[in-house]
C-alpha atoms as a PDB file:
ATOM      1  CA  UNK A   1       0.000   0.000   0.000  1.00  0.00           C
ATOM      2  CA  UNK A   2       1.102   3.522  -0.704  1.00  0.00           C
ATOM      3  CA  UNK A   3       2.326   5.517   2.279  1.00  0.00           C
ATOM      4  CA  UNK A   4       0.141   8.580   1.842  1.00  0.00           C
ATOM      5  CA  UNK A   5      -3.618   8.260   2.052  1.00  0.00           C
ATOM      6  CA  UNK A   6      -4.185  10.843  -0.629  1.00  0.00           C
ATOM      7  CA  UNK A   7      -6.948  10.512  -3.173  1.00  0.00           C
ATOM      8  CA  UNK A   8      -6.242  11.839  -6.674  1.00  0.00           C
ATOM      9  CA  UNK A   9      -8.920  12.275  -9.327  1.00  0.00           C
ATOM     10  CA  UNK A  10      -7.862  12.157 -12.960  1.00  0.00           C
ATOM     11  CA  UNK A  11      -9.868  12.185 -16.170  1.00  0.00           C
ATOM     12  CA  UNK A  12     -11.043  14.438 -18.976  1.00  0.00           C
ATOM     13  CA  UNK A  13     -12.554  17.885 -18.571  1.00  0.00           C
ATOM     14  CA  UNK A  14     -16.208  17.693 -17.720  1.00  0.00           C
ATOM     15  CA  UNK A  15     -15.921  14.293 -16.026  1.00  0.00           C
ATOM     16  CA  UNK A  16     -16.749  15.836 -12.639  1.00  0.00           C
ATOM     17  CA  UNK A  17     -13.369  15.792 -10.916  1.00  0.00           C
ATOM     18  CA  UNK A  18     -13.902  19.039  -9.013  1.00  0.00           C
ATOM     19  CA  UNK A  19     -17.512  18.311  -8.068  1.00  0.00           C
ATOM     20  CA  UNK A  20     -16.799  14.741  -6.960  1.00  0.00           C
ATOM     21  CA  UNK A  21     -13.556  15.835  -5.281  1.00  0.00           C
ATOM     22  CA  UNK A  22     -15.278  18.429  -3.104  1.00  0.00           C
ATOM     23  CA  UNK A  23     -17.968  15.941  -2.070  1.00  0.00           C
ATOM     24  CA  UNK A  24     -15.403  13.217  -1.329  1.00  0.00           C
ATOM     25  CA  UNK A  25     -13.275  15.584   0.745  1.00  0.00           C
ATOM     26  CA  UNK A  26     -16.306  16.527   2.808  1.00  0.00           C
ATOM     27  CA  UNK A  27     -17.306  12.881   3.250  1.00  0.00           C
ATOM     28  CA  UNK A  28     -13.773  11.899   4.303  1.00  0.00           C
ATOM     29  CA  UNK A  29     -13.119  15.011   6.407  1.00  0.00           C
ATOM     30  CA  UNK A  30     -10.136  15.995   4.281  1.00  0.00           C
ATOM     31  CA  UNK A  31      -8.778  19.089   2.606  1.00  0.00           C
ATOM     32  CA  UNK A  32      -9.744  19.502  -1.045  1.00  0.00           C
ATOM     33  CA  UNK A  33      -7.407  20.892  -3.688  1.00  0.00           C
ATOM     34  CA  UNK A  34      -7.882  21.541  -7.384  1.00  0.00           C
ATOM     35  CA  UNK A  35      -4.572  21.663  -9.265  1.00  0.00           C
ATOM     36  CA  UNK A  36      -5.824  24.232 -11.801  1.00  0.00           C
ATOM     37  CA  UNK A  37      -7.053  26.493  -9.011  1.00  0.00           C
ATOM     38  CA  UNK A  38      -3.713  26.137  -7.201  1.00  0.00           C
ATOM     39  CA  UNK A  39      -1.889  27.183 -10.379  1.00  0.00           C
ATOM     40  CA  UNK A  40      -4.095  30.264 -10.608  1.00  0.00           C
ATOM     41  CA  UNK A  41      -3.512  31.114  -6.950  1.00  0.00           C
ATOM     42  CA  UNK A  42       0.259  30.781  -7.324  1.00  0.00           C
ATOM     43  CA  UNK A  43       0.533  32.725 -10.587  1.00  0.00           C
ATOM     44  CA  UNK A  44      -2.129  35.339  -9.960  1.00  0.00           C
ATOM     45  CA  UNK A  45      -3.654  34.812 -13.401  1.00  0.00           C
ATOM     46  CA  UNK A  46      -6.221  32.434 -14.860  1.00  0.00           C
ATOM     47  CA  UNK A  47      -5.455  29.358 -16.961  1.00  0.00           C
ATOM     48  CA  UNK A  48      -6.457  30.948 -20.300  1.00  0.00           C
ATOM     49  CA  UNK A  49      -3.958  33.766 -19.649  1.00  0.00           C
ATOM     50  CA  UNK A  50      -1.168  31.267 -18.952  1.00  0.00           C
ATOM     51  CA  UNK A  51      -2.007  29.473 -22.213  1.00  0.00           C
ATOM     52  CA  UNK A  52      -2.023  32.797 -24.072  1.00  0.00           C
ATOM     53  CA  UNK A  53       1.394  33.917 -22.853  1.00  0.00           C
ATOM     54  CA  UNK A  54       3.241  30.642 -22.227  1.00  0.00           C
ATOM     55  CA  UNK A  55       1.391  28.169 -24.420  1.00  0.00           C
ATOM     56  CA  UNK A  56       0.380  24.698 -23.366  1.00  0.00           C
ATOM     57  CA  UNK A  57       3.997  23.732 -22.632  1.00  0.00           C
ATOM     58  CA  UNK A  58       4.356  26.601 -20.154  1.00  0.00           C
ATOM     59  CA  UNK A  59       1.139  25.583 -18.479  1.00  0.00           C
ATOM     60  CA  UNK A  60       2.242  21.923 -18.272  1.00  0.00           C
ATOM     61  CA  UNK A  61       5.520  23.003 -16.647  1.00  0.00           C
ATOM     62  CA  UNK A  62       3.588  24.960 -14.008  1.00  0.00           C
ATOM     63  CA  UNK A  63       1.216  22.037 -13.531  1.00  0.00           C
ATOM     64  CA  UNK A  64       4.117  19.708 -12.705  1.00  0.00           C
ATOM     65  CA  UNK A  65       5.574  22.223 -10.229  1.00  0.00           C
ATOM     66  CA  UNK A  66       2.252  22.484  -8.400  1.00  0.00           C
ATOM     67  CA  UNK A  67       1.778  18.709  -8.409  1.00  0.00           C
ATOM     68  CA  UNK A  68       5.204  18.199  -6.843  1.00  0.00           C
ATOM     69  CA  UNK A  69       4.152  20.349  -3.892  1.00  0.00           C
ATOM     70  CA  UNK A  70       0.635  18.896  -3.572  1.00  0.00           C
ATOM     71  CA  UNK A  71       1.772  15.251  -3.403  1.00  0.00           C
ATOM     72  CA  UNK A  72       3.844  16.174  -0.337  1.00  0.00           C
ATOM     73  CA  UNK A  73       0.639  16.839   1.600  1.00  0.00           C
ATOM     74  CA  UNK A  74      -1.100  14.094   3.547  1.00  0.00           C
ATOM     75  CA  UNK A  75      -4.735  13.040   3.628  1.00  0.00           C
ATOM     76  CA  UNK A  76      -5.972  15.255   0.801  1.00  0.00           C
ATOM     77  CA  UNK A  77      -8.376  14.912  -2.093  1.00  0.00           C
ATOM     78  CA  UNK A  78      -6.972  16.404  -5.304  1.00  0.00           C
ATOM     79  CA  UNK A  79      -8.858  17.099  -8.531  1.00  0.00           C
ATOM     80  CA  UNK A  80      -6.328  17.356 -11.346  1.00  0.00           C
ATOM     81  CA  UNK A  81      -6.467  18.989 -14.750  1.00  0.00           C
ATOM     82  CA  UNK A  82      -7.401  16.731 -17.653  1.00  0.00           C
ATOM     83  CA  UNK A  83      -3.926  16.815 -19.175  1.00  0.00           C
ATOM     84  CA  UNK A  84      -1.923  16.116 -16.042  1.00  0.00           C
ATOM     85  CA  UNK A  85      -1.251  12.552 -17.228  1.00  0.00           C
ATOM     86  CA  UNK A  86       0.624  13.739 -20.320  1.00  0.00           C
ATOM     87  CA  UNK A  87       3.938  13.965 -18.479  1.00  0.00           C
ATOM     88  CA  UNK A  88       5.492  10.714 -17.232  1.00  0.00           C
ATOM     89  CA  UNK A  89       6.738  12.496 -14.100  1.00  0.00           C
ATOM     90  CA  UNK A  90       3.184  13.480 -13.193  1.00  0.00           C
ATOM     91  CA  UNK A  91       1.895   9.933 -13.660  1.00  0.00           C
ATOM     92  CA  UNK A  92       4.687   8.671 -11.425  1.00  0.00           C
ATOM     93  CA  UNK A  93       4.025  11.317  -8.754  1.00  0.00           C
ATOM     94  CA  UNK A  94       0.340  10.459  -8.657  1.00  0.00           C
ATOM     95  CA  UNK A  95       0.835   6.687  -8.622  1.00  0.00           C
ATOM     96  CA  UNK A  96       3.514   6.738  -5.936  1.00  0.00           C
ATOM     97  CA  UNK A  97       1.785   9.113  -3.543  1.00  0.00           C
ATOM     98  CA  UNK A  98      -1.852   8.110  -3.348  1.00  0.00           C
ATOM     99  CA  UNK A  99      -4.880   6.259  -4.659  1.00  0.00           C
ATOM    100  CA  UNK A 100      -5.720   7.369  -8.204  1.00  0.00           C
ATOM    101  CA  UNK A 101      -9.297   7.333  -9.484  1.00  0.00           C
ATOM    102  CA  UNK A 102     -10.012   7.785 -13.190  1.00  0.00           C
ATOM    103  CA  UNK A 103     -13.353   9.530 -13.633  1.00  0.00           C
ATOM    104  CA  UNK A 104     -14.508   8.850 -17.165  1.00  0.00           C
ATOM    105  CA  UNK A 105     -17.613   9.874 -19.052  1.00  0.00           C
ATOM    106  CA  UNK A 106     -18.858   9.904 -22.639  1.00  0.00           C
ATOM    107  CA  UNK A 107     -17.840  12.805 -24.868  1.00  0.00           C
ATOM    108  CA  UNK A 108     -21.507  13.767 -25.212  1.00  0.00           C
ATOM    109  CA  UNK A 109     -21.703  14.289 -21.442  1.00  0.00           C
ATOM    110  CA  UNK A 110     -18.448  16.275 -21.483  1.00  0.00           C
ATOM    111  CA  UNK A 111     -19.885  18.555 -24.186  1.00  0.00           C
ATOM    112  CA  UNK A 112     -23.047  19.066 -22.176  1.00  0.00           C
ATOM    113  CA  UNK A 113     -21.096  19.907 -19.015  1.00  0.00           C
ATOM    114  CA  UNK A 114     -18.575  22.241 -20.668  1.00  0.00           C
ATOM    115  CA  UNK A 115     -20.876  23.954 -23.208  1.00  0.00           C
ATOM    116  CA  UNK A 116     -21.029  27.310 -21.403  1.00  0.00           C
ATOM    117  CA  UNK A 117     -17.567  27.194 -19.831  1.00  0.00           C
ATOM    118  CA  UNK A 118     -15.292  29.859 -21.324  1.00  0.00           C
ATOM    119  CA  UNK A 119     -12.425  28.929 -18.999  1.00  0.00           C
ATOM    120  CA  UNK A 120     -11.118  25.975 -21.069  1.00  0.00           C
ATOM    121  CA  UNK A 121      -8.471  27.038 -23.594  1.00  0.00           C
ATOM    122  CA  UNK A 122      -8.358  23.653 -25.335  1.00  0.00           C
ATOM    123  CA  UNK A 123     -12.057  23.957 -26.227  1.00  0.00           C
ATOM    124  CA  UNK A 124     -11.666  27.316 -27.944  1.00  0.00           C
ATOM    125  CA  UNK A 125     -12.122  25.741 -31.323  1.00  0.00           C
ATOM    126  CA  UNK A 126     -14.726  25.566 -34.080  1.00  0.00           C
ATOM    127  CA  UNK A 127     -15.407  21.901 -33.260  1.00  0.00           C
ATOM    128  CA  UNK A 128     -15.237  21.223 -29.503  1.00  0.00           C
ATOM    129  CA  UNK A 129     -16.606  17.698 -29.956  1.00  0.00           C
ATOM    130  CA  UNK A 130     -13.786  16.740 -32.324  1.00  0.00           C
ATOM    131  CA  UNK A 131     -11.267  18.252 -29.901  1.00  0.00           C
ATOM    132  CA  UNK A 132     -12.691  16.277 -26.958  1.00  0.00           C
ATOM    133  CA  UNK A 133     -12.612  13.059 -28.980  1.00  0.00           C
ATOM    134  CA  UNK A 134      -8.998  13.668 -30.009  1.00  0.00           C
ATOM    135  CA  UNK A 135      -7.956  14.472 -26.434  1.00  0.00           C
ATOM    136  CA  UNK A 136      -9.671  11.340 -25.138  1.00  0.00           C
ATOM    137  CA  UNK A 137      -8.026   9.154 -27.774  1.00  0.00           C
ATOM    138  CA  UNK A 138      -4.617  10.474 -26.719  1.00  0.00           C
ATOM    139  CA  UNK A 139      -5.185  10.511 -22.969  1.00  0.00           C
ATOM    140  CA  UNK A 140      -7.471   7.548 -22.195  1.00  0.00           C
ATOM    141  CA  UNK A 141      -4.606   5.000 -22.279  1.00  0.00           C
ATOM    142  CA  UNK A 142      -2.629   7.231 -19.886  1.00  0.00           C
ATOM    143  CA  UNK A 143      -5.584   7.574 -17.508  1.00  0.00           C
ATOM    144  CA  UNK A 144      -6.078   3.803 -17.590  1.00  0.00           C
ATOM    145  CA  UNK A 145      -2.404   3.087 -16.927  1.00  0.00           C
ATOM    146  CA  UNK A 146      -2.228   5.533 -14.008  1.00  0.00           C
ATOM    147  CA  UNK A 147      -5.502   4.712 -12.240  1.00  0.00           C
ATOM    148  CA  UNK A 148      -6.085   2.324  -9.372  1.00  0.00           C
ATOM    149  CA  UNK A 149      -9.841   2.554 -10.018  1.00  0.00           C
ATOM    150  CA  UNK A 150     -12.038   3.641 -12.937  1.00  0.00           C
ATOM    151  CA  UNK A 151     -15.532   5.055 -12.371  1.00  0.00           C
ATOM    152  CA  UNK A 152     -17.939   6.243 -15.068  1.00  0.00           C
ATOM    153  CA  UNK A 153     -19.506   9.560 -14.028  1.00  0.00           C
ATOM    154  CA  UNK A 154     -21.729   9.817 -17.083  1.00  0.00           C
ATOM    155  CA  UNK A 155     -24.154   7.089 -16.096  1.00  0.00           C
ATOM    156  CA  UNK A 156     -24.873   7.597 -12.407  1.00  0.00           C
ATOM    157  CA  UNK A 157     -25.392  10.261  -9.760  1.00  0.00           C
ATOM    158  CA  UNK A 158     -22.595  11.939  -7.810  1.00  0.00           C
ATOM    159  CA  UNK A 159     -23.751  10.031  -4.743  1.00  0.00           C
ATOM    160  CA  UNK A 160     -23.308   6.694  -6.549  1.00  0.00           C
ATOM    161  CA  UNK A 161     -19.867   7.707  -7.864  1.00  0.00           C
ATOM    162  CA  UNK A 162     -18.759   8.592  -4.336  1.00  0.00           C
ATOM    163  CA  UNK A 163     -20.144   5.324  -2.981  1.00  0.00           C
ATOM    164  CA  UNK A 164     -18.186   3.339  -5.593  1.00  0.00           C
ATOM    165  CA  UNK A 165     -14.981   5.190  -4.755  1.00  0.00           C
ATOM    166  CA  UNK A 166     -15.396   4.796  -0.983  1.00  0.00           C
ATOM    167  CA  UNK A 167     -16.065   1.061  -1.381  1.00  0.00           C
ATOM    168  CA  UNK A 168     -12.770   0.642  -3.229  1.00  0.00           C
ATOM    169  CA  UNK A 169     -10.395   2.700  -1.091  1.00  0.00           C
ATOM    170  CA  UNK A 170      -7.503   0.603   0.232  1.00  0.00           C
ATOM    171  CA  UNK A 171      -7.632   2.155   3.708  1.00  0.00           C
END
């Protein structure tokens, strides 16, 4: 078993990582963190601004820096950004420092959940559905390889998702 009893949520945008993470943290009596929010707090600017000035690579560098500090904490619930699994170092940090849950959901559900969200630089495109499908094709194998548990958030309520996660925790 891993030393830290941290719970990390990975998966695509719109899968419910932040929503489920907050509810899980409350249920477990733990601190909740959102890696994107932590990046914004540390930089003083929002994610779209980081993408605009530093590009995706600059954002990914900042994401890894924040993750390094967050995995040092104990007994937390962390909702990560959808692309956190792109870097091997991030996958290793997550796997070695906590229990990793892959929240997955159909692209149609992601579209529904992100339709009015202007805070997602990767969806600023003429065809958000095609972008989500391409991202999922690239990232799904990485989510699968990193996760200790996979839960579909597109087919059941938040309460049921939380129940499934709690039933499978190793502690």
